[in-house]
Amino acid sequence: FSTLDYAKMAQLMIHPVIIDGRNF
């Protein structure tokens, strides 16, 4: 999960919100 394409994932979301439950 440290190397996912988060920019692409944010574009696919309705609201680009992430709760980092492990402070990872």
mmCIF file of all heavy atoms, coordinates in Angstrom:
data_MODEL
# 
_entry.id   MODEL 
# 
loop_
_atom_site.group_PDB 
_atom_site.id 
_atom_site.type_symbol 
_atom_site.label_atom_id 
_atom_site.label_alt_id 
_atom_site.label_comp_id 
_atom_site.label_asym_id 
_atom_site.label_entity_id 
_atom_site.label_seq_id 
_atom_site.pdbx_PDB_ins_code 
_atom_site.Cartn_x 
_atom_site.Cartn_y 
_atom_site.Cartn_z 
_atom_site.occupancy 
_atom_site.B_iso_or_equiv 
_atom_site.pdbx_formal_charge 
_atom_site.auth_seq_id 
_atom_site.auth_comp_id 
_atom_site.auth_asym_id 
_atom_site.auth_atom_id 
_atom_site.pdbx_PDB_model_num 
ATOM 1   N N   . PHE A 1 1  ? 0.811   -1.219 0.000   1.00 0.00 ? 1  PHE A N   1 
ATOM 2   C CA  . PHE A 1 1  ? 0.000   0.000  0.000   1.00 0.00 ? 1  PHE A CA  1 
ATOM 3   C C   . PHE A 1 1  ? 0.843   1.267  0.000   1.00 0.00 ? 1  PHE A C   1 
ATOM 4   O O   . PHE A 1 1  ? 0.320   2.363  -0.198  1.00 0.00 ? 1  PHE A O   1 
ATOM 5   C CB  . PHE A 1 1  ? -0.938  0.006  1.215   1.00 0.00 ? 1  PHE A CB  1 
ATOM 6   C CG  . PHE A 1 1  ? -2.025  -1.036 1.160   1.00 0.00 ? 1  PHE A CG  1 
ATOM 7   C CD1 . PHE A 1 1  ? -2.763  -1.348 2.300   1.00 0.00 ? 1  PHE A CD1 1 
ATOM 8   C CD2 . PHE A 1 1  ? -2.312  -1.707 -0.007  1.00 0.00 ? 1  PHE A CD2 1 
ATOM 9   C CE1 . PHE A 1 1  ? -3.775  -2.305 2.254   1.00 0.00 ? 1  PHE A CE1 1 
ATOM 10  C CE2 . PHE A 1 1  ? -3.313  -2.679 -0.065  1.00 0.00 ? 1  PHE A CE2 1 
ATOM 11  C CZ  . PHE A 1 1  ? -4.040  -2.975 1.071   1.00 0.00 ? 1  PHE A CZ  1 
ATOM 12  N N   . SER A 1 2  ? 2.144   1.143  0.199   1.00 0.00 ? 2  SER A N   1 
ATOM 13  C CA  . SER A 1 2  ? 3.008   2.327  0.176   1.00 0.00 ? 2  SER A CA  1 
ATOM 14  C C   . SER A 1 2  ? 3.349   2.760  -1.250  1.00 0.00 ? 2  SER A C   1 
ATOM 15  O O   . SER A 1 2  ? 3.838   3.870  -1.463  1.00 0.00 ? 2  SER A O   1 
ATOM 16  C CB  . SER A 1 2  ? 4.295   2.070  0.956   1.00 0.00 ? 2  SER A CB  1 
ATOM 17  O OG  . SER A 1 2  ? 5.071   1.051  0.335   1.00 0.00 ? 2  SER A OG  1 
ATOM 18  N N   . THR A 1 3  ? 3.091   1.878  -2.215  1.00 0.00 ? 3  THR A N   1 
ATOM 19  C CA  . THR A 1 3  ? 3.484   2.173  -3.598  1.00 0.00 ? 3  THR A CA  1 
ATOM 20  C C   . THR A 1 3  ? 2.299   2.198  -4.562  1.00 0.00 ? 3  THR A C   1 
ATOM 21  O O   . THR A 1 3  ? 2.484   2.127  -5.769  1.00 0.00 ? 3  THR A O   1 
ATOM 22  C CB  . THR A 1 3  ? 4.506   1.131  -4.081  1.00 0.00 ? 3  THR A CB  1 
ATOM 23  O OG1 . THR A 1 3  ? 3.955   -0.190 -3.940  1.00 0.00 ? 3  THR A OG1 1 
ATOM 24  C CG2 . THR A 1 3  ? 5.799   1.215  -3.279  1.00 0.00 ? 3  THR A CG2 1 
ATOM 25  N N   . LEU A 1 4  ? 1.086   2.309  -4.057  1.00 0.00 ? 4  LEU A N   1 
ATOM 26  C CA  . LEU A 1 4  ? -0.080  2.385  -4.933  1.00 0.00 ? 4  LEU A CA  1 
ATOM 27  C C   . LEU A 1 4  ? -0.097  3.715  -5.680  1.00 0.00 ? 4  LEU A C   1 
ATOM 28  O O   . LEU A 1 4  ? 0.484   4.709  -5.235  1.00 0.00 ? 4  LEU A O   1 
ATOM 29  C CB  . LEU A 1 4  ? -1.365  2.242  -4.112  1.00 0.00 ? 4  LEU A CB  1 
ATOM 30  C CG  . LEU A 1 4  ? -1.607  0.900  -3.409  1.00 0.00 ? 4  LEU A CG  1 
ATOM 31  C CD1 . LEU A 1 4  ? -2.877  0.963  -2.557  1.00 0.00 ? 4  LEU A CD1 1 
ATOM 32  C CD2 . LEU A 1 4  ? -1.701  -0.241 -4.415  1.00 0.00 ? 4  LEU A CD2 1 
ATOM 33  N N   . ASP A 1 5  ? -0.799  3.747  -6.811  1.00 0.00 ? 5  ASP A N   1 
ATOM 34  C CA  . ASP A 1 5  ? -0.944  4.982  -7.590  1.00 0.00 ? 5  ASP A CA  1 
ATOM 35  C C   . ASP A 1 5  ? -2.104  5.783  -6.995  1.00 0.00 ? 5  ASP A C   1 
ATOM 36  O O   . ASP A 1 5  ? -3.234  5.747  -7.481  1.00 0.00 ? 5  ASP A O   1 
ATOM 37  C CB  . ASP A 1 5  ? -1.204  4.650  -9.063  1.00 0.00 ? 5  ASP A CB  1 
ATOM 38  C CG  . ASP A 1 5  ? -1.180  5.886  -9.961  1.00 0.00 ? 5  ASP A CG  1 
ATOM 39  O OD1 . ASP A 1 5  ? -1.202  7.015  -9.421  1.00 0.00 ? 5  ASP A OD1 1 
ATOM 40  O OD2 . ASP A 1 5  ? -1.165  5.723  -11.191 1.00 0.00 ? 5  ASP A OD2 1 
ATOM 41  N N   . TYR A 1 6  ? -1.800  6.509  -5.912  1.00 0.00 ? 6  TYR A N   1 
ATOM 42  C CA  . TYR A 1 6  ? -2.862  7.219  -5.198  1.00 0.00 ? 6  TYR A CA  1 
ATOM 43  C C   . TYR A 1 6  ? -3.422  8.388  -6.006  1.00 0.00 ? 6  TYR A C   1 
ATOM 44  O O   . TYR A 1 6  ? -4.592  8.748  -5.848  1.00 0.00 ? 6  TYR A O   1 
ATOM 45  C CB  . TYR A 1 6  ? -2.347  7.690  -3.840  1.00 0.00 ? 6  TYR A CB  1 
ATOM 46  C CG  . TYR A 1 6  ? -2.255  6.564  -2.834  1.00 0.00 ? 6  TYR A CG  1 
ATOM 47  C CD1 . TYR A 1 6  ? -1.022  6.011  -2.499  1.00 0.00 ? 6  TYR A CD1 1 
ATOM 48  C CD2 . TYR A 1 6  ? -3.396  6.041  -2.237  1.00 0.00 ? 6  TYR A CD2 1 
ATOM 49  C CE1 . TYR A 1 6  ? -0.927  4.970  -1.586  1.00 0.00 ? 6  TYR A CE1 1 
ATOM 50  C CE2 . TYR A 1 6  ? -3.312  4.995  -1.325  1.00 0.00 ? 6  TYR A CE2 1 
ATOM 51  C CZ  . TYR A 1 6  ? -2.079  4.459  -1.003  1.00 0.00 ? 6  TYR A CZ  1 
ATOM 52  O OH  . TYR A 1 6  ? -2.000  3.424  -0.104  1.00 0.00 ? 6  TYR A OH  1 
ATOM 53  N N   . ALA A 1 7  ? -2.606  8.999  -6.877  1.00 0.00 ? 7  ALA A N   1 
ATOM 54  C CA  . ALA A 1 7  ? -3.113  10.093 -7.707  1.00 0.00 ? 7  ALA A CA  1 
ATOM 55  C C   . ALA A 1 7  ? -4.216  9.590  -8.627  1.00 0.00 ? 7  ALA A C   1 
ATOM 56  O O   . ALA A 1 7  ? -5.273  10.233 -8.784  1.00 0.00 ? 7  ALA A O   1 
ATOM 57  C CB  . ALA A 1 7  ? -1.968  10.703 -8.513  1.00 0.00 ? 7  ALA A CB  1 
ATOM 58  N N   . LYS A 1 8  ? -4.002  8.427  -9.218  1.00 0.00 ? 8  LYS A N   1 
ATOM 59  C CA  . LYS A 1 8  ? -5.017  7.824  -10.083 1.00 0.00 ? 8  LYS A CA  1 
ATOM 60  C C   . LYS A 1 8  ? -6.251  7.424  -9.268  1.00 0.00 ? 8  LYS A C   1 
ATOM 61  O O   . LYS A 1 8  ? -7.399  7.636  -9.698  1.00 0.00 ? 8  LYS A O   1 
ATOM 62  C CB  . LYS A 1 8  ? -4.423  6.589  -10.775 1.00 0.00 ? 8  LYS A CB  1 
ATOM 63  C CG  . LYS A 1 8  ? -5.411  5.802  -11.629 1.00 0.00 ? 8  LYS A CG  1 
ATOM 64  C CD  . LYS A 1 8  ? -5.901  6.619  -12.813 1.00 0.00 ? 8  LYS A CD  1 
ATOM 65  C CE  . LYS A 1 8  ? -6.777  5.760  -13.727 1.00 0.00 ? 8  LYS A CE  1 
ATOM 66  N NZ  . LYS A 1 8  ? -7.359  6.561  -14.841 1.00 0.00 ? 8  LYS A NZ  1 
ATOM 67  N N   . MET A 1 9  ? -6.017  6.874  -8.083  1.00 0.00 ? 9  MET A N   1 
ATOM 68  C CA  . MET A 1 9  ? -7.135  6.458  -7.225  1.00 0.00 ? 9  MET A CA  1 
ATOM 69  C C   . MET A 1 9  ? -7.985  7.660  -6.808  1.00 0.00 ? 9  MET A C   1 
ATOM 70  O O   . MET A 1 9  ? -9.211  7.591  -6.776  1.00 0.00 ? 9  MET A O   1 
ATOM 71  C CB  . MET A 1 9  ? -6.605  5.714  -6.001  1.00 0.00 ? 9  MET A CB  1 
ATOM 72  C CG  . MET A 1 9  ? -6.000  4.345  -6.324  1.00 0.00 ? 9  MET A CG  1 
ATOM 73  S SD  . MET A 1 9  ? -5.028  3.625  -4.968  1.00 0.00 ? 9  MET A SD  1 
ATOM 74  C CE  . MET A 1 9  ? -6.288  3.414  -3.712  1.00 0.00 ? 9  MET A CE  1 
ATOM 75  N N   . ALA A 1 10 ? -7.326  8.785  -6.506  1.00 0.00 ? 10 ALA A N   1 
ATOM 76  C CA  . ALA A 1 10 ? -8.064  9.993  -6.105  1.00 0.00 ? 10 ALA A CA  1 
ATOM 77  C C   . ALA A 1 10 ? -8.982  10.461 -7.225  1.00 0.00 ? 10 ALA A C   1 
ATOM 78  O O   . ALA A 1 10 ? -10.113 10.913 -6.973  1.00 0.00 ? 10 ALA A O   1 
ATOM 79  C CB  . ALA A 1 10 ? -7.076  11.096 -5.714  1.00 0.00 ? 10 ALA A CB  1 
ATOM 80  N N   . GLN A 1 11 ? -8.514  10.353 -8.471  1.00 0.00 ? 11 GLN A N   1 
ATOM 81  C CA  . GLN A 1 11 ? -9.311  10.783 -9.625  1.00 0.00 ? 11 GLN A CA  1 
ATOM 82  C C   . GLN A 1 11 ? -10.553 9.915  -9.817  1.00 0.00 ? 11 GLN A C   1 
ATOM 83  O O   . GLN A 1 11 ? -11.566 10.370 -10.359 1.00 0.00 ? 11 GLN A O   1 
ATOM 84  C CB  . GLN A 1 11 ? -8.463  10.750 -10.890 1.00 0.00 ? 11 GLN A CB  1 
ATOM 85  C CG  . GLN A 1 11 ? -7.330  11.764 -10.904 1.00 0.00 ? 11 GLN A CG  1 
ATOM 86  C CD  . GLN A 1 11 ? -6.393  11.570 -12.086 1.00 0.00 ? 11 GLN A CD  1 
ATOM 87  O OE1 . GLN A 1 11 ? -6.642  10.731 -12.966 1.00 0.00 ? 11 GLN A OE1 1 
ATOM 88  N NE2 . GLN A 1 11 ? -5.299  12.335 -12.102 1.00 0.00 ? 11 GLN A NE2 1 
ATOM 89  N N   . LEU A 1 12 ? -10.480 8.657  -9.364  1.00 0.00 ? 12 LEU A N   1 
ATOM 90  C CA  . LEU A 1 12 ? -11.588 7.721  -9.548  1.00 0.00 ? 12 LEU A CA  1 
ATOM 91  C C   . LEU A 1 12 ? -12.666 7.857  -8.465  1.00 0.00 ? 12 LEU A C   1 
ATOM 92  O O   . LEU A 1 12 ? -13.747 7.278  -8.577  1.00 0.00 ? 12 LEU A O   1 
ATOM 93  C CB  . LEU A 1 12 ? -11.066 6.284  -9.547  1.00 0.00 ? 12 LEU A CB  1 
ATOM 94  C CG  . LEU A 1 12 ? -10.153 5.889  -10.716 1.00 0.00 ? 12 LEU A CG  1 
ATOM 95  C CD1 . LEU A 1 12 ? -9.507  4.527  -10.451 1.00 0.00 ? 12 LEU A CD1 1 
ATOM 96  C CD2 . LEU A 1 12 ? -10.950 5.854  -12.018 1.00 0.00 ? 12 LEU A CD2 1 
ATOM 97  N N   . MET A 1 13 ? -12.366 8.629  -7.416  1.00 0.00 ? 13 MET A N   1 
ATOM 98  C CA  . MET A 1 13 ? -13.271 8.713  -6.277  1.00 0.00 ? 13 MET A CA  1 
ATOM 99  C C   . MET A 1 13 ? -14.233 9.895  -6.392  1.00 0.00 ? 13 MET A C   1 
ATOM 100 O O   . MET A 1 13 ? -13.944 10.889 -7.054  1.00 0.00 ? 13 MET A O   1 
ATOM 101 C CB  . MET A 1 13 ? -12.455 8.825  -4.980  1.00 0.00 ? 13 MET A CB  1 
ATOM 102 C CG  . MET A 1 13 ? -11.619 7.597  -4.683  1.00 0.00 ? 13 MET A CG  1 
ATOM 103 S SD  . MET A 1 13 ? -10.545 7.799  -3.226  1.00 0.00 ? 13 MET A SD  1 
ATOM 104 C CE  . MET A 1 13 ? -11.762 7.991  -1.918  1.00 0.00 ? 13 MET A CE  1 
ATOM 105 N N   . ILE A 1 14 ? -15.366 9.777  -5.723  1.00 0.00 ? 14 ILE A N   1 
ATOM 106 C CA  . ILE A 1 14 ? -16.330 10.882 -5.669  1.00 0.00 ? 14 ILE A CA  1 
ATOM 107 C C   . ILE A 1 14 ? -15.792 11.973 -4.755  1.00 0.00 ? 14 ILE A C   1 
ATOM 108 O O   . ILE A 1 14 ? -15.793 13.157 -5.092  1.00 0.00 ? 14 ILE A O   1 
ATOM 109 C CB  . ILE A 1 14 ? -17.694 10.363 -5.166  1.00 0.00 ? 14 ILE A CB  1 
ATOM 110 C CG1 . ILE A 1 14 ? -18.260 9.334  -6.155  1.00 0.00 ? 14 ILE A CG1 1 
ATOM 111 C CG2 . ILE A 1 14 ? -18.677 11.529 -4.983  1.00 0.00 ? 14 ILE A CG2 1 
ATOM 112 C CD1 . ILE A 1 14 ? -19.503 8.624  -5.650  1.00 0.00 ? 14 ILE A CD1 1 
ATOM 113 N N   . HIS A 1 15 ? -15.327 11.564 -3.579  1.00 0.00 ? 15 HIS A N   1 
ATOM 114 C CA  . HIS A 1 15 ? -14.664 12.470 -2.643  1.00 0.00 ? 15 HIS A CA  1 
ATOM 115 C C   . HIS A 1 15 ? -13.316 11.843 -2.288  1.00 0.00 ? 15 HIS A C   1 
ATOM 116 O O   . HIS A 1 15 ? -13.288 10.803 -1.626  1.00 0.00 ? 15 HIS A O   1 
ATOM 117 C CB  . HIS A 1 15 ? -15.495 12.656 -1.366  1.00 0.00 ? 15 HIS A CB  1 
ATOM 118 C CG  . HIS A 1 15 ? -16.839 13.256 -1.594  1.00 0.00 ? 15 HIS A CG  1 
ATOM 119 N ND1 . HIS A 1 15 ? -18.011 12.521 -1.547  1.00 0.00 ? 15 HIS A ND1 1 
ATOM 120 C CD2 . HIS A 1 15 ? -17.202 14.534 -1.876  1.00 0.00 ? 15 HIS A CD2 1 
ATOM 121 C CE1 . HIS A 1 15 ? -19.031 13.312 -1.789  1.00 0.00 ? 15 HIS A CE1 1 
ATOM 122 N NE2 . HIS A 1 15 ? -18.585 14.542 -1.997  1.00 0.00 ? 15 HIS A NE2 1 
ATOM 123 N N   . PRO A 1 16 ? -12.206 12.437 -2.711  1.00 0.00 ? 16 PRO A N   1 
ATOM 124 C CA  . PRO A 1 16 ? -10.895 11.844 -2.417  1.00 0.00 ? 16 PRO A CA  1 
ATOM 125 C C   . PRO A 1 16 ? -10.470 12.085 -0.960  1.00 0.00 ? 16 PRO A C   1 
ATOM 126 O O   . PRO A 1 16 ? -9.666  12.956 -0.652  1.00 0.00 ? 16 PRO A O   1 
ATOM 127 C CB  . PRO A 1 16 ? -9.955  12.545 -3.403  1.00 0.00 ? 16 PRO A CB  1 
ATOM 128 C CG  . PRO A 1 16 ? -10.611 13.863 -3.674  1.00 0.00 ? 16 PRO A CG  1 
ATOM 129 C CD  . PRO A 1 16 ? -12.085 13.638 -3.578  1.00 0.00 ? 16 PRO A CD  1 
ATOM 130 N N   . VAL A 1 17 ? -11.044 11.272 -0.083  1.00 0.00 ? 17 VAL A N   1 
ATOM 131 C CA  . VAL A 1 17 ? -10.761 11.329 1.354   1.00 0.00 ? 17 VAL A CA  1 
ATOM 132 C C   . VAL A 1 17 ? -10.109 10.014 1.759   1.00 0.00 ? 17 VAL A C   1 
ATOM 133 O O   . VAL A 1 17 ? -10.560 8.943  1.339   1.00 0.00 ? 17 VAL A O   1 
ATOM 134 C CB  . VAL A 1 17 ? -12.054 11.537 2.169   1.00 0.00 ? 17 VAL A CB  1 
ATOM 135 C CG1 . VAL A 1 17 ? -11.776 11.426 3.672   1.00 0.00 ? 17 VAL A CG1 1 
ATOM 136 C CG2 . VAL A 1 17 ? -12.693 12.866 1.832   1.00 0.00 ? 17 VAL A CG2 1 
ATOM 137 N N   . ILE A 1 18 ? -9.060  10.076 2.568   1.00 0.00 ? 18 ILE A N   1 
ATOM 138 C CA  . ILE A 1 18 ? -8.474  8.840  3.095   1.00 0.00 ? 18 ILE A CA  1 
ATOM 139 C C   . ILE A 1 18 ? -8.244  8.971  4.596   1.00 0.00 ? 18 ILE A C   1 
ATOM 140 O O   . ILE A 1 18 ? -7.693  9.963  5.074   1.00 0.00 ? 18 ILE A O   1 
ATOM 141 C CB  . ILE A 1 18 ? -7.159  8.468  2.376   1.00 0.00 ? 18 ILE A CB  1 
ATOM 142 C CG1 . ILE A 1 18 ? -6.700  7.067  2.810   1.00 0.00 ? 18 ILE A CG1 1 
ATOM 143 C CG2 . ILE A 1 18 ? -6.056  9.496  2.597   1.00 0.00 ? 18 ILE A CG2 1 
ATOM 144 C CD1 . ILE A 1 18 ? -5.713  6.410  1.861   1.00 0.00 ? 18 ILE A CD1 1 
ATOM 145 N N   . ILE A 1 19 ? -8.728  7.977  5.338   1.00 0.00 ? 19 ILE A N   1 
ATOM 146 C CA  . ILE A 1 19 ? -8.482  7.861  6.765   1.00 0.00 ? 19 ILE A CA  1 
ATOM 147 C C   . ILE A 1 19 ? -7.372  6.832  6.933   1.00 0.00 ? 19 ILE A C   1 
ATOM 148 O O   . ILE A 1 19 ? -7.559  5.660  6.618   1.00 0.00 ? 19 ILE A O   1 
ATOM 149 C CB  . ILE A 1 19 ? -9.742  7.395  7.533   1.00 0.00 ? 19 ILE A CB  1 
ATOM 150 C CG1 . ILE A 1 19 ? -10.974 8.203  7.133   1.00 0.00 ? 19 ILE A CG1 1 
ATOM 151 C CG2 . ILE A 1 19 ? -9.481  7.430  9.033   1.00 0.00 ? 19 ILE A CG2 1 
ATOM 152 C CD1 . ILE A 1 19 ? -10.899 9.667  7.450   1.00 0.00 ? 19 ILE A CD1 1 
ATOM 153 N N   . ASP A 1 20 ? -6.218  7.293  7.391   1.00 0.00 ? 20 ASP A N   1 
ATOM 154 C CA  . ASP A 1 20 ? -5.075  6.393  7.555   1.00 0.00 ? 20 ASP A CA  1 
ATOM 155 C C   . ASP A 1 20 ? -5.138  5.788  8.959   1.00 0.00 ? 20 ASP A C   1 
ATOM 156 O O   . ASP A 1 20 ? -4.644  6.362  9.929   1.00 0.00 ? 20 ASP A O   1 
ATOM 157 C CB  . ASP A 1 20 ? -3.776  7.167  7.363   1.00 0.00 ? 20 ASP A CB  1 
ATOM 158 C CG  . ASP A 1 20 ? -2.535  6.283  7.374   1.00 0.00 ? 20 ASP A CG  1 
ATOM 159 O OD1 . ASP A 1 20 ? -2.683  5.074  7.641   1.00 0.00 ? 20 ASP A OD1 1 
ATOM 160 O OD2 . ASP A 1 20 ? -1.435  6.800  7.132   1.00 0.00 ? 20 ASP A OD2 1 
ATOM 161 N N   . GLY A 1 21 ? -5.753  4.614  9.058   1.00 0.00 ? 21 GLY A N   1 
ATOM 162 C CA  . GLY A 1 21 ? -5.978  3.983  10.352  1.00 0.00 ? 21 GLY A CA  1 
ATOM 163 C C   . GLY A 1 21 ? -4.737  3.404  10.999  1.00 0.00 ? 21 GLY A C   1 
ATOM 164 O O   . GLY A 1 21 ? -4.804  2.897  12.126  1.00 0.00 ? 21 GLY A O   1 
ATOM 165 N N   . ARG A 1 22 ? -3.603  3.467  10.319  1.00 0.00 ? 22 ARG A N   1 
ATOM 166 C CA  . ARG A 1 22 ? -2.350  2.949  10.878  1.00 0.00 ? 22 ARG A CA  1 
ATOM 167 C C   . ARG A 1 22 ? -1.223  3.975  10.836  1.00 0.00 ? 22 ARG A C   1 
ATOM 168 O O   . ARG A 1 22 ? -0.070  3.630  11.118  1.00 0.00 ? 22 ARG A O   1 
ATOM 169 C CB  . ARG A 1 22 ? -1.923  1.681  10.112  1.00 0.00 ? 22 ARG A CB  1 
ATOM 170 C CG  . ARG A 1 22 ? -2.926  0.534  10.178  1.00 0.00 ? 22 ARG A CG  1 
ATOM 171 C CD  . ARG A 1 22 ? -3.091  0.016  11.589  1.00 0.00 ? 22 ARG A CD  1 
ATOM 172 N NE  . ARG A 1 22 ? -4.052  -1.088 11.660  1.00 0.00 ? 22 ARG A NE  1 
ATOM 173 C CZ  . ARG A 1 22 ? -4.422  -1.676 12.787  1.00 0.00 ? 22 ARG A CZ  1 
ATOM 174 N NH1 . ARG A 1 22 ? -3.942  -1.250 13.939  1.00 0.00 ? 22 ARG A NH1 1 
ATOM 175 N NH2 . ARG A 1 22 ? -5.298  -2.663 12.783  1.00 0.00 ? 22 ARG A NH2 1 
ATOM 176 N N   . ASN A 1 23 ? -1.536  5.219  10.453  1.00 0.00 ? 23 ASN A N   1 
ATOM 177 C CA  . ASN A 1 23 ? -0.495  6.248  10.300  1.00 0.00 ? 23 ASN A CA  1 
ATOM 178 C C   . ASN A 1 23 ? 0.653   5.716  9.452   1.00 0.00 ? 23 ASN A C   1 
ATOM 179 O O   . ASN A 1 23 ? 1.835   5.934  9.755   1.00 0.00 ? 23 ASN A O   1 
ATOM 180 C CB  . ASN A 1 23 ? 0.011   6.720  11.666  1.00 0.00 ? 23 ASN A CB  1 
ATOM 181 C CG  . ASN A 1 23 ? -1.025  7.548  12.406  1.00 0.00 ? 23 ASN A CG  1 
ATOM 182 O OD1 . ASN A 1 23 ? -1.993  8.026  11.812  1.00 0.00 ? 23 ASN A OD1 1 
ATOM 183 N ND2 . ASN A 1 23 ? -0.834  7.728  13.700  1.00 0.00 ? 23 ASN A ND2 1 
ATOM 184 N N   . PHE A 1 24 ? 0.291   5.021  8.394   1.00 0.00 ? 24 PHE A N   1 
ATOM 185 C CA  . PHE A 1 24 ? 1.257   4.316  7.556   1.00 0.00 ? 24 PHE A CA  1 
ATOM 186 C C   . PHE A 1 24 ? 1.739   5.174  6.389   1.00 0.00 ? 24 PHE A C   1 
ATOM 187 O O   . PHE A 1 24 ? 2.858   5.023  5.908   1.00 0.00 ? 24 PHE A O   1 
ATOM 188 C CB  . PHE A 1 24 ? 0.605   3.025  7.045   1.00 0.00 ? 24 PHE A CB  1 
ATOM 189 C CG  . PHE A 1 24 ? 1.458   2.188  6.130   1.00 0.00 ? 24 PHE A CG  1 
ATOM 190 C CD1 . PHE A 1 24 ? 2.576   1.534  6.620   1.00 0.00 ? 24 PHE A CD1 1 
ATOM 191 C CD2 . PHE A 1 24 ? 1.139   2.039  4.787   1.00 0.00 ? 24 PHE A CD2 1 
ATOM 192 C CE1 . PHE A 1 24 ? 3.366   0.753  5.781   1.00 0.00 ? 24 PHE A CE1 1 
ATOM 193 C CE2 . PHE A 1 24 ? 1.914   1.261  3.948   1.00 0.00 ? 24 PHE A CE2 1 
ATOM 194 C CZ  . PHE A 1 24 ? 3.028   0.606  4.449   1.00 0.00 ? 24 PHE A CZ  1 
# 
